[in-house]
Amino acid sequence: MPSTVPLDIREALQNEANVSRETIERLAEFVDILKRWNRSINLVSRSDLEEVWRRHVLDSLGALRFLASDGPVLDIGSGGGFPALVLAVALRDQQRAFTLVESDVRKCVFLREASRQLELNAVVRTERIEQLPLLGAVTLTSRAFASVEKTLTLIEAQLPSLRRIVLLKGNRVFDELTEASYQWHIEHQVLPNALTGRGYMLIIEKAQRVKKQ
């Protein structure tokens, strides 16, 4: 039986994130799995674990409305499953296909086991994103991974199929965009995370390398 979801979180999930009761229970199951595995693998810090619902689950769900309306999703640096597994749970009934790329072998074991227990349509690849061929995803997501410039460089091989890139960023997002502008032309928008009131969603519709003179 999944652990109890705090009342304020349940209300936010239902009223602001617009997810069903069944999805909330699956998210609670995911949180339980995360807590069990976190005893042996450092997936999130101990202090973050106490605030896992608001700091990680709600934060990840903030990306949900920005995903392309259909097609496979690629998540890089998947770590503890944020945002990918949270989004996959939210879209489980649609059977949206997710590919999670993570170079840490132990974290990949966790990601595969959580995906199996939650019956998600997710494939986990223990590889580095820059070494992968074009995977055909239409949306790419990432959270707490790398700077905008480095992220775009690492996913360059994936750009031909991508319709949207959704990066969950902190307060440095504007500095990162300035730094990236020397190497990339980026069509984007930056929006506050409406579910948590902190952090930003960087939505990139198009990214092209700057042609050197």
C-alpha atoms as a PDB file:
ATOM      1  CA  MET A   1       0.000   0.000   0.000  1.00  0.00           C
ATOM      2  CA  PRO A   2       1.591   3.323  -1.072  1.00  0.00           C
ATOM      3  CA  SER A   3       2.397   5.825   1.648  1.00  0.00           C
ATOM      4  CA  THR A   4       0.016   8.667   2.413  1.00  0.00           C
ATOM      5  CA  VAL A   5       0.282  11.706   0.162  1.00  0.00           C
ATOM      6  CA  PRO A   6       0.304  14.984   2.148  1.00  0.00           C
ATOM      7  CA  LEU A   7      -3.042  16.762   1.815  1.00  0.00           C
ATOM      8  CA  ASP A   8      -1.600  19.990   0.352  1.00  0.00           C
ATOM      9  CA  ILE A   9       0.363  17.973  -2.204  1.00  0.00           C
ATOM     10  CA  ARG A  10      -2.702  15.910  -3.131  1.00  0.00           C
ATOM     11  CA  GLU A  11      -4.700  19.099  -3.670  1.00  0.00           C
ATOM     12  CA  ALA A  12      -1.925  20.580  -5.822  1.00  0.00           C
ATOM     13  CA  LEU A  13      -1.721  17.407  -7.883  1.00  0.00           C
ATOM     14  CA  GLN A  14      -5.454  17.297  -8.473  1.00  0.00           C
ATOM     15  CA  ASN A  15      -6.215  21.008  -8.881  1.00  0.00           C
ATOM     16  CA  GLU A  16      -3.028  22.439 -10.402  1.00  0.00           C
ATOM     17  CA  ALA A  17      -1.308  19.509 -12.094  1.00  0.00           C
ATOM     18  CA  ASN A  18      -4.696  18.050 -13.092  1.00  0.00           C
ATOM     19  CA  VAL A  19      -3.746  14.422 -12.505  1.00  0.00           C
ATOM     20  CA  SER A  20      -6.158  11.653 -11.543  1.00  0.00           C
ATOM     21  CA  ARG A  21      -6.449   9.852  -8.225  1.00  0.00           C
ATOM     22  CA  GLU A  22      -5.043   6.732  -9.848  1.00  0.00           C
ATOM     23  CA  THR A  23      -2.000   8.686 -11.036  1.00  0.00           C
ATOM     24  CA  ILE A  24      -1.495  10.127  -7.551  1.00  0.00           C
ATOM     25  CA  GLU A  25      -1.464   6.610  -6.102  1.00  0.00           C
ATOM     26  CA  ARG A  26       1.084   5.508  -8.710  1.00  0.00           C
ATOM     27  CA  LEU A  27       3.228   8.520  -7.865  1.00  0.00           C
ATOM     28  CA  ALA A  28       3.012   7.537  -4.198  1.00  0.00           C
ATOM     29  CA  GLU A  29       4.205   4.057  -5.163  1.00  0.00           C
ATOM     30  CA  PHE A  30       7.108   5.601  -7.060  1.00  0.00           C
ATOM     31  CA  VAL A  31       8.053   7.711  -4.024  1.00  0.00           C
ATOM     32  CA  ASP A  32       8.046   4.575  -1.872  1.00  0.00           C
ATOM     33  CA  ILE A  33      10.318   2.775  -4.345  1.00  0.00           C
ATOM     34  CA  LEU A  34      12.646   5.793  -4.435  1.00  0.00           C
ATOM     35  CA  LYS A  35      12.872   5.905  -0.633  1.00  0.00           C
ATOM     36  CA  ARG A  36      13.701   2.215  -0.403  1.00  0.00           C
ATOM     37  CA  TRP A  37      16.443   2.424  -3.019  1.00  0.00           C
ATOM     38  CA  ASN A  38      17.799   5.657  -1.591  1.00  0.00           C
ATOM     39  CA  ARG A  39      19.004   3.717   1.462  1.00  0.00           C
ATOM     40  CA  SER A  40      21.673   2.053  -0.677  1.00  0.00           C
ATOM     41  CA  ILE A  41      22.045   4.407  -3.671  1.00  0.00           C
ATOM     42  CA  ASN A  42      22.369   8.171  -3.389  1.00  0.00           C
ATOM     43  CA  LEU A  43      19.460   9.137  -5.636  1.00  0.00           C
ATOM     44  CA  VAL A  44      18.469  12.288  -3.731  1.00  0.00           C
ATOM     45  CA  SER A  45      19.968  13.919  -0.657  1.00  0.00           C
ATOM     46  CA  ARG A  46      18.539  13.134   2.778  1.00  0.00           C
ATOM     47  CA  SER A  47      17.222  16.694   3.156  1.00  0.00           C
ATOM     48  CA  ASP A  48      15.613  16.530  -0.295  1.00  0.00           C
ATOM     49  CA  LEU A  49      13.999  13.220   0.584  1.00  0.00           C
ATOM     50  CA  GLU A  50      12.027  14.952   3.328  1.00  0.00           C
ATOM     51  CA  GLU A  51      10.655  17.359   0.706  1.00  0.00           C
ATOM     52  CA  VAL A  52      10.507  14.853  -2.138  1.00  0.00           C
ATOM     53  CA  TRP A  53       6.917  15.609  -3.127  1.00  0.00           C
ATOM     54  CA  ARG A  54       7.321  19.350  -3.564  1.00  0.00           C
ATOM     55  CA  ARG A  55      11.011  19.553  -4.461  1.00  0.00           C
ATOM     56  CA  HIS A  56      11.064  16.676  -6.933  1.00  0.00           C
ATOM     57  CA  VAL A  57       7.629  15.293  -7.872  1.00  0.00           C
ATOM     58  CA  LEU A  58       5.747  18.581  -8.308  1.00  0.00           C
ATOM     59  CA  ASP A  59       8.816  20.186  -9.842  1.00  0.00           C
ATOM     60  CA  SER A  60       8.984  17.413 -12.444  1.00  0.00           C
ATOM     61  CA  LEU A  61       5.252  17.576 -13.200  1.00  0.00           C
ATOM     62  CA  GLY A  62       5.694  21.239 -14.086  1.00  0.00           C
ATOM     63  CA  ALA A  63       7.139  20.009 -17.379  1.00  0.00           C
ATOM     64  CA  LEU A  64       4.098  17.914 -18.286  1.00  0.00           C
ATOM     65  CA  ARG A  65       2.149  20.543 -20.225  1.00  0.00           C
ATOM     66  CA  PHE A  66       5.190  21.496 -22.289  1.00  0.00           C
ATOM     67  CA  LEU A  67       5.830  18.083 -23.822  1.00  0.00           C
ATOM     68  CA  ALA A  68       4.999  17.652 -27.482  1.00  0.00           C
ATOM     69  CA  SER A  69       1.439  16.339 -27.768  1.00  0.00           C
ATOM     70  CA  ASP A  70       2.531  12.897 -28.942  1.00  0.00           C
ATOM     71  CA  GLY A  71       5.557  10.847 -29.841  1.00  0.00           C
ATOM     72  CA  PRO A  72       8.433   9.368 -27.831  1.00  0.00           C
ATOM     73  CA  VAL A  73      10.227  11.252 -25.073  1.00  0.00           C
ATOM     74  CA  LEU A  74      13.979  11.128 -24.454  1.00  0.00           C
ATOM     75  CA  ASP A  75      15.296  12.017 -21.000  1.00  0.00           C
ATOM     76  CA  ILE A  76      19.004  12.499 -20.331  1.00  0.00           C
ATOM     77  CA  GLY A  77      20.861  12.305 -17.046  1.00  0.00           C
ATOM     78  CA  SER A  78      17.844  10.496 -15.632  1.00  0.00           C
ATOM     79  CA  GLY A  79      19.407   9.793 -12.210  1.00  0.00           C
ATOM     80  CA  GLY A  80      16.644   9.327  -9.638  1.00  0.00           C
ATOM     81  CA  GLY A  81      13.887   9.398 -12.259  1.00  0.00           C
ATOM     82  CA  PHE A  82      13.194  13.134 -12.290  1.00  0.00           C
ATOM     83  CA  PRO A  83      11.492  14.233 -14.400  1.00  0.00           C
ATOM     84  CA  ALA A  84      11.259  11.158 -16.630  1.00  0.00           C
ATOM     85  CA  LEU A  85       9.633   8.563 -14.371  1.00  0.00           C
ATOM     86  CA  VAL A  86       7.245  11.117 -12.885  1.00  0.00           C
ATOM     87  CA  LEU A  87       6.167  12.154 -16.385  1.00  0.00           C
ATOM     88  CA  ALA A  88       5.932   8.525 -17.511  1.00  0.00           C
ATOM     89  CA  VAL A  89       3.640   7.773 -14.557  1.00  0.00           C
ATOM     90  CA  ALA A  90       1.467  10.772 -15.435  1.00  0.00           C
ATOM     91  CA  LEU A  91       1.228   9.566 -19.060  1.00  0.00           C
ATOM     92  CA  ARG A  92       1.045   5.854 -18.281  1.00  0.00           C
ATOM     93  CA  ASP A  93      -2.507   5.438 -19.557  1.00  0.00           C
ATOM     94  CA  GLN A  94      -1.436   6.926 -22.902  1.00  0.00           C
ATOM     95  CA  GLN A  95       1.442   4.429 -23.066  1.00  0.00           C
ATOM     96  CA  ARG A  96       3.790   7.257 -24.057  1.00  0.00           C
ATOM     97  CA  ALA A  97       7.205   5.782 -24.823  1.00  0.00           C
ATOM     98  CA  PHE A  98      10.150   7.058 -22.781  1.00  0.00           C
ATOM     99  CA  THR A  99      13.863   6.446 -23.219  1.00  0.00           C
ATOM    100  CA  LEU A 100      15.986   7.236 -20.171  1.00  0.00           C
ATOM    101  CA  VAL A 101      19.720   7.740 -20.666  1.00  0.00           C
ATOM    102  CA  GLU A 102      21.943   7.482 -17.595  1.00  0.00           C
ATOM    103  CA  SER A 103      25.642   6.606 -17.426  1.00  0.00           C
ATOM    104  CA  ASP A 104      25.622   5.450 -13.776  1.00  0.00           C
ATOM    105  CA  VAL A 105      25.092   1.674 -13.738  1.00  0.00           C
ATOM    106  CA  ARG A 106      23.555   1.510 -10.243  1.00  0.00           C
ATOM    107  CA  LYS A 107      21.075   4.282 -11.001  1.00  0.00           C
ATOM    108  CA  CYS A 108      20.095   2.452 -14.174  1.00  0.00           C
ATOM    109  CA  VAL A 109      19.285  -0.653 -12.119  1.00  0.00           C
ATOM    110  CA  PHE A 110      16.966   1.498 -10.004  1.00  0.00           C
ATOM    111  CA  LEU A 111      15.368   3.115 -13.051  1.00  0.00           C
ATOM    112  CA  ARG A 112      14.689  -0.261 -14.676  1.00  0.00           C
ATOM    113  CA  GLU A 113      13.241  -1.764 -11.502  1.00  0.00           C
ATOM    114  CA  ALA A 114      11.016   1.259 -10.833  1.00  0.00           C
ATOM    115  CA  SER A 115       9.809   1.188 -14.454  1.00  0.00           C
ATOM    116  CA  ARG A 116       9.044  -2.513 -14.167  1.00  0.00           C
ATOM    117  CA  GLN A 117       7.133  -2.193 -10.897  1.00  0.00           C
ATOM    118  CA  LEU A 118       5.135   0.773 -12.157  1.00  0.00           C
ATOM    119  CA  GLU A 119       4.501  -0.925 -15.539  1.00  0.00           C
ATOM    120  CA  LEU A 120       5.783   2.040 -17.523  1.00  0.00           C
ATOM    121  CA  ASN A 121       6.576   2.132 -21.234  1.00  0.00           C
ATOM    122  CA  ALA A 122      10.198   3.037 -20.572  1.00  0.00           C
ATOM    123  CA  VAL A 123      13.566   1.849 -21.825  1.00  0.00           C
ATOM    124  CA  VAL A 124      16.722   2.610 -19.818  1.00  0.00           C
ATOM    125  CA  ARG A 125      20.061   2.931 -21.607  1.00  0.00           C
ATOM    126  CA  THR A 126      23.300   2.788 -19.636  1.00  0.00           C
ATOM    127  CA  GLU A 127      25.217   4.997 -22.028  1.00  0.00           C
ATOM    128  CA  ARG A 128      26.381   8.534 -22.578  1.00  0.00           C
ATOM    129  CA  ILE A 129      23.996  10.602 -24.678  1.00  0.00           C
ATOM    130  CA  GLU A 130      26.731  11.958 -26.946  1.00  0.00           C
ATOM    131  CA  GLN A 131      27.633   8.403 -27.997  1.00  0.00           C
ATOM    132  CA  LEU A 132      24.122   7.446 -29.114  1.00  0.00           C
ATOM    133  CA  PRO A 133      22.800   7.549 -32.687  1.00  0.00           C
ATOM    134  CA  LEU A 134      19.596   9.405 -33.577  1.00  0.00           C
ATOM    135  CA  LEU A 135      16.869   7.794 -31.424  1.00  0.00           C
ATOM    136  CA  GLY A 136      13.862   9.470 -33.050  1.00  0.00           C
ATOM    137  CA  ALA A 137      12.409  11.181 -29.973  1.00  0.00           C
ATOM    138  CA  VAL A 138      10.195  14.230 -30.514  1.00  0.00           C
ATOM    139  CA  THR A 139      10.602  15.666 -27.001  1.00  0.00           C
ATOM    140  CA  LEU A 140      13.756  15.789 -24.901  1.00  0.00           C
ATOM    141  CA  THR A 141      13.672  16.475 -21.165  1.00  0.00           C
ATOM    142  CA  SER A 142      16.366  17.009 -18.577  1.00  0.00           C
ATOM    143  CA  ARG A 143      16.648  18.263 -15.015  1.00  0.00           C
ATOM    144  CA  ALA A 144      19.745  19.373 -13.110  1.00  0.00           C
ATOM    145  CA  PHE A 145      21.956  17.978 -15.871  1.00  0.00           C
ATOM    146  CA  ALA A 146      24.312  20.499 -17.483  1.00  0.00           C
ATOM    147  CA  SER A 147      24.457  24.052 -18.814  1.00  0.00           C
ATOM    148  CA  VAL A 148      22.340  24.946 -21.835  1.00  0.00           C
ATOM    149  CA  GLU A 149      25.401  25.132 -24.100  1.00  0.00           C
ATOM    150  CA  LYS A 150      26.771  21.780 -22.957  1.00  0.00           C
ATOM    151  CA  THR A 151      23.363  20.124 -23.148  1.00  0.00           C
ATOM    152  CA  LEU A 152      22.836  21.236 -26.751  1.00  0.00           C
ATOM    153  CA  THR A 153      26.325  20.084 -27.682  1.00  0.00           C
ATOM    154  CA  LEU A 154      25.773  16.646 -26.145  1.00  0.00           C
ATOM    155  CA  ILE A 155      22.374  16.125 -27.809  1.00  0.00           C
ATOM    156  CA  GLU A 156      23.387  17.478 -31.214  1.00  0.00           C
ATOM    157  CA  ALA A 157      22.884  14.089 -32.876  1.00  0.00           C
ATOM    158  CA  GLN A 158      19.274  14.007 -31.574  1.00  0.00           C
ATOM    159  CA  LEU A 159      18.248  17.455 -32.837  1.00  0.00           C
ATOM    160  CA  PRO A 160      16.912  16.370 -36.281  1.00  0.00           C
ATOM    161  CA  SER A 161      13.907  14.572 -34.766  1.00  0.00           C
ATOM    162  CA  LEU A 162      13.216  16.855 -31.803  1.00  0.00           C
ATOM    163  CA  ARG A 163      10.216  19.170 -31.892  1.00  0.00           C
ATOM    164  CA  ARG A 164      10.720  20.427 -28.354  1.00  0.00           C
ATOM    165  CA  ILE A 165      13.385  20.455 -25.654  1.00  0.00           C
ATOM    166  CA  VAL A 166      12.189  20.989 -22.080  1.00  0.00           C
ATOM    167  CA  LEU A 167      14.904  21.750 -19.531  1.00  0.00           C
ATOM    168  CA  LEU A 168      14.131  22.252 -15.844  1.00  0.00           C
ATOM    169  CA  LYS A 169      16.517  24.971 -14.750  1.00  0.00           C
ATOM    170  CA  GLY A 170      17.489  27.073 -11.742  1.00  0.00           C
ATOM    171  CA  ASN A 171      18.174  30.780 -11.427  1.00  0.00           C
ATOM    172  CA  ARG A 172      21.243  30.652 -13.705  1.00  0.00           C
ATOM    173  CA  VAL A 173      19.125  29.899 -16.756  1.00  0.00           C
ATOM    174  CA  PHE A 174      19.435  33.439 -18.145  1.00  0.00           C
ATOM    175  CA  ASP A 175      23.207  33.475 -17.743  1.00  0.00           C
ATOM    176  CA  GLU A 176      23.366  30.056 -19.390  1.00  0.00           C
ATOM    177  CA  LEU A 177      21.323  31.292 -22.351  1.00  0.00           C
ATOM    178  CA  THR A 178      23.694  34.231 -22.785  1.00  0.00           C
ATOM    179  CA  GLU A 179      26.682  31.887 -22.724  1.00  0.00           C
ATOM    180  CA  ALA A 180      25.008  29.496 -25.179  1.00  0.00           C
ATOM    181  CA  SER A 181      24.187  32.301 -27.619  1.00  0.00           C
ATOM    182  CA  TYR A 182      27.833  32.461 -28.723  1.00  0.00           C
ATOM    183  CA  GLN A 183      27.534  28.934 -30.098  1.00  0.00           C
ATOM    184  CA  TRP A 184      23.814  28.468 -30.748  1.00  0.00           C
ATOM    185  CA  HIS A 185      20.826  30.256 -32.259  1.00  0.00           C
ATOM    186  CA  ILE A 186      18.005  29.260 -29.906  1.00  0.00           C
ATOM    187  CA  GLU A 187      14.261  29.849 -30.301  1.00  0.00           C
ATOM    188  CA  HIS A 188      12.968  29.554 -26.766  1.00  0.00           C
ATOM    189  CA  GLN A 189      10.812  30.745 -23.916  1.00  0.00           C
ATOM    190  CA  VAL A 190      11.526  30.753 -20.195  1.00  0.00           C
ATOM    191  CA  LEU A 191       8.611  30.341 -17.799  1.00  0.00           C
ATOM    192  CA  PRO A 192       8.460  29.985 -14.001  1.00  0.00           C
ATOM    193  CA  ASN A 193       7.522  26.538 -12.759  1.00  0.00           C
ATOM    194  CA  ALA A 194       3.842  27.124 -12.051  1.00  0.00           C
ATOM    195  CA  LEU A 195       3.501  24.145  -9.702  1.00  0.00           C
ATOM    196  CA  THR A 196       6.275  25.028  -7.261  1.00  0.00           C
ATOM    197  CA  GLY A 197       6.836  28.761  -7.703  1.00  0.00           C
ATOM    198  CA  ARG A 198      10.576  28.230  -7.950  1.00  0.00           C
ATOM    199  CA  GLY A 199      12.858  27.329 -10.808  1.00  0.00           C
ATOM    200  CA  TYR A 200      12.144  27.703 -14.507  1.00  0.00           C
ATOM    201  CA  MET A 201      11.050  25.756 -17.537  1.00  0.00           C
ATOM    202  CA  LEU A 202      13.256  26.447 -20.534  1.00  0.00           C
ATOM    203  CA  ILE A 203      11.328  25.403 -23.632  1.00  0.00           C
ATOM    204  CA  ILE A 204      13.463  25.278 -26.770  1.00  0.00           C
ATOM    205  CA  GLU A 205      11.618  24.986 -30.064  1.00  0.00           C
ATOM    206  CA  LYS A 206      14.674  25.197 -32.300  1.00  0.00           C
ATOM    207  CA  ALA A 207      18.441  25.197 -31.871  1.00  0.00           C
ATOM    208  CA  GLN A 208      21.041  25.656 -34.590  1.00  0.00           C
ATOM    209  CA  ARG A 209      24.777  26.096 -34.335  1.00  0.00           C
ATOM    210  CA  VAL A 210      26.070  29.572 -35.066  1.00  0.00           C
ATOM    211  CA  LYS A 211      27.902  29.540 -38.391  1.00  0.00           C
ATOM    212  CA  LYS A 212      31.449  30.707 -37.923  1.00  0.00           C
ATOM    213  CA  GLN A 213      32.559  33.571 -40.133  1.00  0.00           C
END
